[in-house]
Every structure is written in structure tokens, then in C-alpha cells.
Amino acid sequence: MTTTLITGANRGLGRETARQLIAAGHTVYLGARDEIRGRAAADALGARFVRLDVTSDDSVEAAAEWIGADGGLDVLVNNAGIEPRLPGNAVPAPADTTAHDIRTTFETNVFGLVRVTRAFLPLLQRSVAPVVVNVSSGLGSLTDLSNPDSHTHFYPGLAYPASKATVNALTIQYAKAYPGIRINAVDPGYTDTDLNGHTGTQTVEEGAEIIVRMAGLTGSDGPTGLLLSRHGPVAW
């Protein structure tokens, strides 16, 4: 039985990933910082709820200790993320973005990923087929972000693309440091979720497909250190 932890999984892509992985036979730990919403989502899906605030050392360490005592971990999906939005759902322009805005975004999207990964690495290293999936974005592709012909080129914000580009760099470095773990970043695509005020153009089922596919890697010969969408590799 494959055991999988998904952070930020009480809604959106995280919840849909949990649903699909449970259907595929995984035992899923549904991580969420809001206990009421998290437990409700876990109960509805047949997952195991674990209170997990990726911005808190104590919360992450407690979750790792609990999951370790419960039997261990095979797959970690770093899904928790935030995107700054103004009233009316507008993305802040560079002139309206402060250092505090950048720091707040990085606290969840980057530092949270590092905090969780570091805490769960000892459990993953005990697995026979450990996997880490970092949920990134096409907005983290510097190649596409700088290409006027790319659909991501229009995006004006600073904080979110910078955080996801950093997630991509972290993925490369983790994959090099831990060759025994399949560690990849994924671009779910522009998905209709609360994160973007439901402006996305694809369903959560479509967005979760690449997350689920990479979470289902088995053996030690799968890809690692890549950024992938459901259409194939994405340029850094």
C-alpha cells in the first residue's frame, strides 16, 4: 500500500489529487491547516486528516512525527500555495508589490516546501520507492515567462512567478542531492480554483492529472529533476 501526504489538500487541486490517488489505491494523508475544513474533506474522501500548517515548524514537525508513528510515507506532494490578489481578483502590478508581499508568498510557496520536505525526508528514505512532487506553475518557467508568444507572458505579478521559479530550482537541487528519490516539479496548467478566483480555463480533474501521474511513479528508473505538464516536459 502506497502512503501519500498532500499539503494544502482540503480544496482545489490538492483535494482532487487526493480523490484520484485514493481511487488508485493510495492511503492518503490530507494535510490542511484548518482542522474543520480539513477533517470534513478527509471524511468525504476517505483520507486521513493531518493538521499541517506549512508555515509553522512546530506544526510540520508534529505531522512528521505522527505520520512516522502511523507507518511511514512513500509519496510527498508539496501542493500548498498562495497567490497574491487584490480586491476584485486583480493581480498586483510590480509598482504595487512590496517586499512584505514577496516575503508572505515565499513563506508558503518556498519556505513551506523546504520546511515540509526537510521534515519528511527521513521517512521517505525508508520507502522502497520514494517520490516527491512539487506543484509548480508554468509561470515559474523563465523561458515561457520571457517569451511574448507564450500564454504566461501576459501575467504582470512578481511574487507568484518568482516563488514558483524558486520551487523549480529547489526541485533540481533536491533531485541531485537525493538520487534515490524521484523528485519532480509539475505544472498543472491554468486551473479553475479558489487560488485564482476561479478564472482558470481547465477543470481540477485536468489540472490534477499530472500531479497524480507523477505521484504514481514506481521503482527507481522514473524521471527525476524535471518540470512536467500533462503535455510533456516544460522548459525551465
Protein backbone atom coordinates (compact mmCIF):
# COMPACT_ATOMS: atom_id res chain seq x y z
CA MET A 1 0.00 0.00 0.00
CA THR A 2 1.41 3.39 -1.03
CA THR A 3 1.11 6.12 1.59
CA THR A 4 0.92 9.70 0.34
CA LEU A 5 0.88 13.08 2.06
CA ILE A 6 -0.64 16.06 0.23
CA THR A 7 -0.23 19.53 1.72
CA GLY A 8 -2.95 22.13 1.33
CA ALA A 9 -5.40 19.41 0.33
CA ASN A 10 -8.76 20.48 1.73
CA ARG A 11 -9.75 22.13 -1.58
CA GLY A 12 -8.81 22.70 -5.21
CA LEU A 13 -6.02 20.72 -6.82
CA GLY A 14 -4.93 19.19 -3.53
CA ARG A 15 -8.36 17.77 -2.80
CA GLU A 16 -8.80 16.47 -6.35
CA THR A 17 -5.35 14.89 -6.25
CA ALA A 18 -6.32 13.17 -3.01
CA ARG A 19 -9.54 11.89 -4.57
CA GLN A 20 -7.79 10.46 -7.61
CA LEU A 21 -4.97 8.87 -5.62
CA ILE A 22 -7.39 7.25 -3.19
CA ALA A 23 -9.26 5.83 -6.18
CA ALA A 24 -5.91 4.48 -7.41
CA GLY A 25 -5.33 2.68 -4.11
CA HIS A 26 -3.17 5.11 -2.16
CA THR A 27 -3.59 5.69 1.55
CA VAL A 28 -3.72 9.50 1.61
CA TYR A 29 -2.86 11.82 4.45
CA LEU A 30 -4.76 15.01 3.73
CA GLY A 31 -2.81 17.93 5.15
CA ALA A 32 -4.59 21.18 5.96
CA ARG A 33 -4.07 24.00 8.45
CA ASP A 34 -7.84 24.47 9.03
CA GLU A 35 -8.90 21.48 11.11
CA ILE A 36 -12.63 21.80 10.49
CA ARG A 37 -12.32 22.06 6.71
CA GLY A 38 -9.53 19.54 6.59
CA ARG A 39 -11.40 16.90 8.56
CA ALA A 40 -14.54 17.46 6.51
CA ALA A 41 -12.60 16.97 3.26
CA ALA A 42 -10.79 13.90 4.60
CA ASP A 43 -14.02 12.31 5.82
CA ALA A 44 -15.72 12.96 2.48
CA LEU A 45 -12.86 11.41 0.51
CA GLY A 46 -11.85 8.57 2.80
CA ALA A 47 -8.47 10.14 3.60
CA ARG A 48 -6.63 10.51 6.91
CA PHE A 49 -6.57 14.09 8.16
CA VAL A 50 -3.36 15.56 9.50
CA ARG A 51 -3.22 19.13 10.75
CA LEU A 52 -0.38 20.74 8.82
CA ASP A 53 0.48 24.42 8.53
CA VAL A 54 3.48 24.60 6.20
CA THR A 55 4.48 27.99 7.66
CA SER A 56 4.95 26.53 11.15
CA ASP A 57 7.98 24.47 12.23
CA ASP A 58 6.06 23.01 15.16
CA SER A 59 3.08 22.00 13.01
CA VAL A 60 5.25 20.35 10.35
CA GLU A 61 7.40 18.51 12.87
CA ALA A 62 4.32 17.24 14.72
CA ALA A 63 2.81 15.99 11.46
CA ALA A 64 6.02 14.18 10.53
CA GLU A 65 6.20 12.54 13.94
CA TRP A 66 2.57 11.43 13.73
CA ILE A 67 2.82 10.02 10.20
CA GLY A 68 6.09 8.29 11.09
CA ALA A 69 4.45 6.60 14.07
CA ASP A 70 1.46 5.69 11.91
CA GLY A 71 3.57 3.69 9.50
CA GLY A 72 5.70 5.91 7.26
CA LEU A 73 5.50 7.69 3.94
CA ASP A 74 6.14 6.85 0.28
CA VAL A 75 4.99 9.95 -1.58
CA LEU A 76 5.08 13.64 -0.66
CA VAL A 77 3.05 16.12 -2.71
CA ASN A 78 4.04 19.69 -1.90
CA ASN A 79 0.83 21.35 -3.04
CA ALA A 80 0.16 24.14 -0.52
CA GLY A 81 0.47 27.52 -2.17
CA ILE A 82 -0.86 31.06 -2.28
CA GLU A 83 -1.11 33.76 -4.95
CA PRO A 84 -1.46 37.47 -4.09
CA ARG A 85 -4.67 39.01 -5.38
CA LEU A 86 -6.19 42.48 -4.95
CA PRO A 87 -9.89 43.20 -4.31
CA GLY A 88 -11.73 42.34 -7.49
CA ASN A 89 -9.29 39.47 -8.13
CA ALA A 90 -6.67 41.60 -9.90
CA VAL A 91 -3.02 40.55 -9.78
CA PRO A 92 -0.86 43.26 -8.13
CA ALA A 93 1.36 45.13 -10.57
CA PRO A 94 5.10 45.41 -9.83
CA ALA A 95 4.67 49.01 -8.67
CA ASP A 96 2.08 47.87 -6.12
CA THR A 97 4.11 44.93 -4.80
CA THR A 98 6.06 45.33 -1.57
CA ALA A 99 8.85 43.29 -0.07
CA HIS A 100 6.31 42.11 2.50
CA ASP A 101 4.10 40.76 -0.31
CA ILE A 102 7.02 38.79 -1.72
CA ARG A 103 8.02 37.51 1.71
CA THR A 104 4.45 36.37 2.51
CA THR A 105 4.18 34.45 -0.75
CA PHE A 106 7.57 32.82 -0.30
CA GLU A 107 6.72 31.82 3.28
CA THR A 108 4.14 29.37 1.98
CA ASN A 109 5.26 28.56 -1.56
CA VAL A 110 9.01 28.28 -0.95
CA PHE A 111 9.92 28.15 2.73
CA GLY A 112 6.92 25.92 3.41
CA LEU A 113 8.08 23.48 0.76
CA VAL A 114 11.58 23.38 2.23
CA ARG A 115 10.22 23.01 5.76
CA VAL A 116 7.97 20.09 4.82
CA THR A 117 10.49 18.35 2.56
CA ARG A 118 13.24 18.50 5.18
CA ALA A 119 10.94 17.13 7.88
CA PHE A 120 9.71 14.19 5.80
CA LEU A 121 12.95 13.20 4.07
CA PRO A 122 13.87 10.67 6.80
CA LEU A 123 10.52 8.90 6.29
CA LEU A 124 10.81 8.97 2.51
CA GLN A 125 14.29 7.50 2.64
CA ARG A 126 12.88 4.41 4.36
CA SER A 127 10.45 3.79 1.49
CA VAL A 128 11.31 1.33 -1.27
CA ALA A 129 10.02 3.74 -3.95
CA PRO A 130 10.02 7.30 -2.56
CA VAL A 131 8.57 10.16 -4.61
CA VAL A 132 8.31 13.92 -4.16
CA VAL A 133 6.03 16.01 -6.37
CA ASN A 134 6.41 19.78 -6.12
CA VAL A 135 3.41 21.63 -7.52
CA SER A 136 4.89 24.47 -9.55
CA SER A 137 3.41 26.51 -12.41
CA GLY A 138 4.01 27.48 -15.99
CA LEU A 139 4.57 30.94 -14.53
CA GLY A 140 7.74 29.55 -12.96
CA SER A 141 9.22 28.81 -16.38
CA LEU A 142 11.60 31.67 -17.14
CA THR A 143 11.71 30.51 -20.75
CA ASP A 144 7.95 30.91 -21.19
CA LEU A 145 7.57 33.93 -18.93
CA SER A 146 10.02 35.87 -21.13
CA ASN A 147 8.55 34.64 -24.42
CA PRO A 148 5.99 37.05 -25.96
CA ASP A 149 4.39 34.10 -27.76
CA SER A 150 3.75 32.22 -24.52
CA HIS A 151 0.35 32.44 -22.81
CA THR A 152 2.14 33.09 -19.50
CA HIS A 153 3.87 36.22 -20.84
CA PHE A 154 0.83 38.40 -20.07
CA TYR A 155 0.99 37.78 -16.31
CA PRO A 156 2.06 41.02 -14.52
CA GLY A 157 2.71 39.86 -10.96
CA LEU A 158 6.08 39.49 -9.25
CA ALA A 159 5.57 37.30 -6.20
CA TYR A 160 3.92 34.18 -7.60
CA PRO A 161 6.19 33.59 -10.63
CA ALA A 162 9.29 34.30 -8.53
CA SER A 163 8.15 31.78 -5.92
CA LYS A 164 7.47 29.07 -8.50
CA ALA A 165 10.76 29.68 -10.30
CA THR A 166 12.40 29.11 -6.93
CA VAL A 167 10.39 25.91 -6.48
CA ASN A 168 11.82 24.76 -9.81
CA ALA A 169 15.38 25.50 -8.68
CA LEU A 170 14.78 23.68 -5.40
CA THR A 171 13.45 20.67 -7.32
CA ILE A 172 16.63 20.45 -9.39
CA GLN A 173 18.86 20.71 -6.32
CA TYR A 174 16.88 18.21 -4.25
CA ALA A 175 16.87 15.73 -7.16
CA LYS A 176 20.66 15.96 -7.45
CA ALA A 177 21.12 15.58 -3.70
CA TYR A 178 18.77 12.58 -3.37
CA PRO A 179 19.14 10.36 -6.47
CA GLY A 180 17.27 7.57 -4.73
CA ILE A 181 14.07 9.66 -4.62
CA ARG A 182 12.07 10.60 -7.72
CA ILE A 183 11.73 14.38 -7.26
CA ASN A 184 9.92 16.40 -9.90
CA ALA A 185 8.06 19.69 -10.31
CA VAL A 186 4.76 19.78 -12.16
CA ASP A 187 2.79 22.47 -13.97
CA PRO A 188 -0.92 21.68 -13.56
CA GLY A 189 -1.90 24.41 -16.04
CA TYR A 190 -4.33 27.28 -15.61
CA THR A 191 -6.90 25.53 -13.46
CA ASP A 192 -10.22 26.80 -12.14
CA THR A 193 -9.60 27.04 -8.37
CA ASP A 194 -10.02 29.40 -5.42
CA LEU A 195 -6.34 30.33 -5.81
CA ASN A 196 -7.01 32.38 -8.94
CA GLY A 197 -10.57 33.39 -8.16
CA HIS A 198 -11.91 30.66 -10.47
CA THR A 199 -10.54 32.32 -13.58
CA GLY A 200 -8.75 29.18 -14.75
CA THR A 201 -9.62 27.60 -18.08
CA GLN A 202 -9.38 23.91 -17.16
CA THR A 203 -11.04 21.72 -14.55
CA VAL A 204 -9.42 20.46 -11.36
CA GLU A 205 -9.65 16.96 -12.81
CA GLU A 206 -7.49 18.06 -15.75
CA GLY A 207 -5.10 20.01 -13.54
CA ALA A 208 -4.59 17.16 -11.09
CA GLU A 209 -3.76 14.65 -13.83
CA ILE A 210 -0.02 15.39 -13.97
CA ILE A 211 0.25 15.53 -10.17
CA VAL A 212 -1.38 12.12 -9.88
CA ARG A 213 0.72 10.68 -12.68
CA MET A 214 4.00 11.75 -11.09
CA ALA A 215 2.84 10.72 -7.60
CA GLY A 216 2.25 7.24 -9.00
CA LEU A 217 5.86 6.65 -10.09
CA THR A 218 7.18 3.25 -9.08
CA GLY A 219 10.71 1.89 -9.00
CA SER A 220 13.95 3.81 -9.28
CA ASP A 221 14.09 4.33 -13.03
CA GLY A 222 11.44 7.03 -13.39
CA PRO A 223 12.20 10.64 -14.32
CA THR A 224 13.63 12.97 -11.72
CA GLY A 225 14.69 16.62 -11.61
CA LEU A 226 12.20 17.70 -14.29
CA LEU A 227 9.35 20.20 -14.73
CA LEU A 228 6.43 18.46 -16.43
CA SER A 229 2.90 19.25 -17.54
CA ARG A 230 0.32 16.78 -18.79
CA HIS A 231 1.56 17.62 -22.27
CA GLY A 232 5.19 16.76 -21.53
CA PRO A 233 8.38 18.47 -20.30
CA VAL A 234 8.27 22.23 -19.67
CA ALA A 235 11.35 24.39 -20.28
CA TRP A 236 12.97 25.88 -17.21
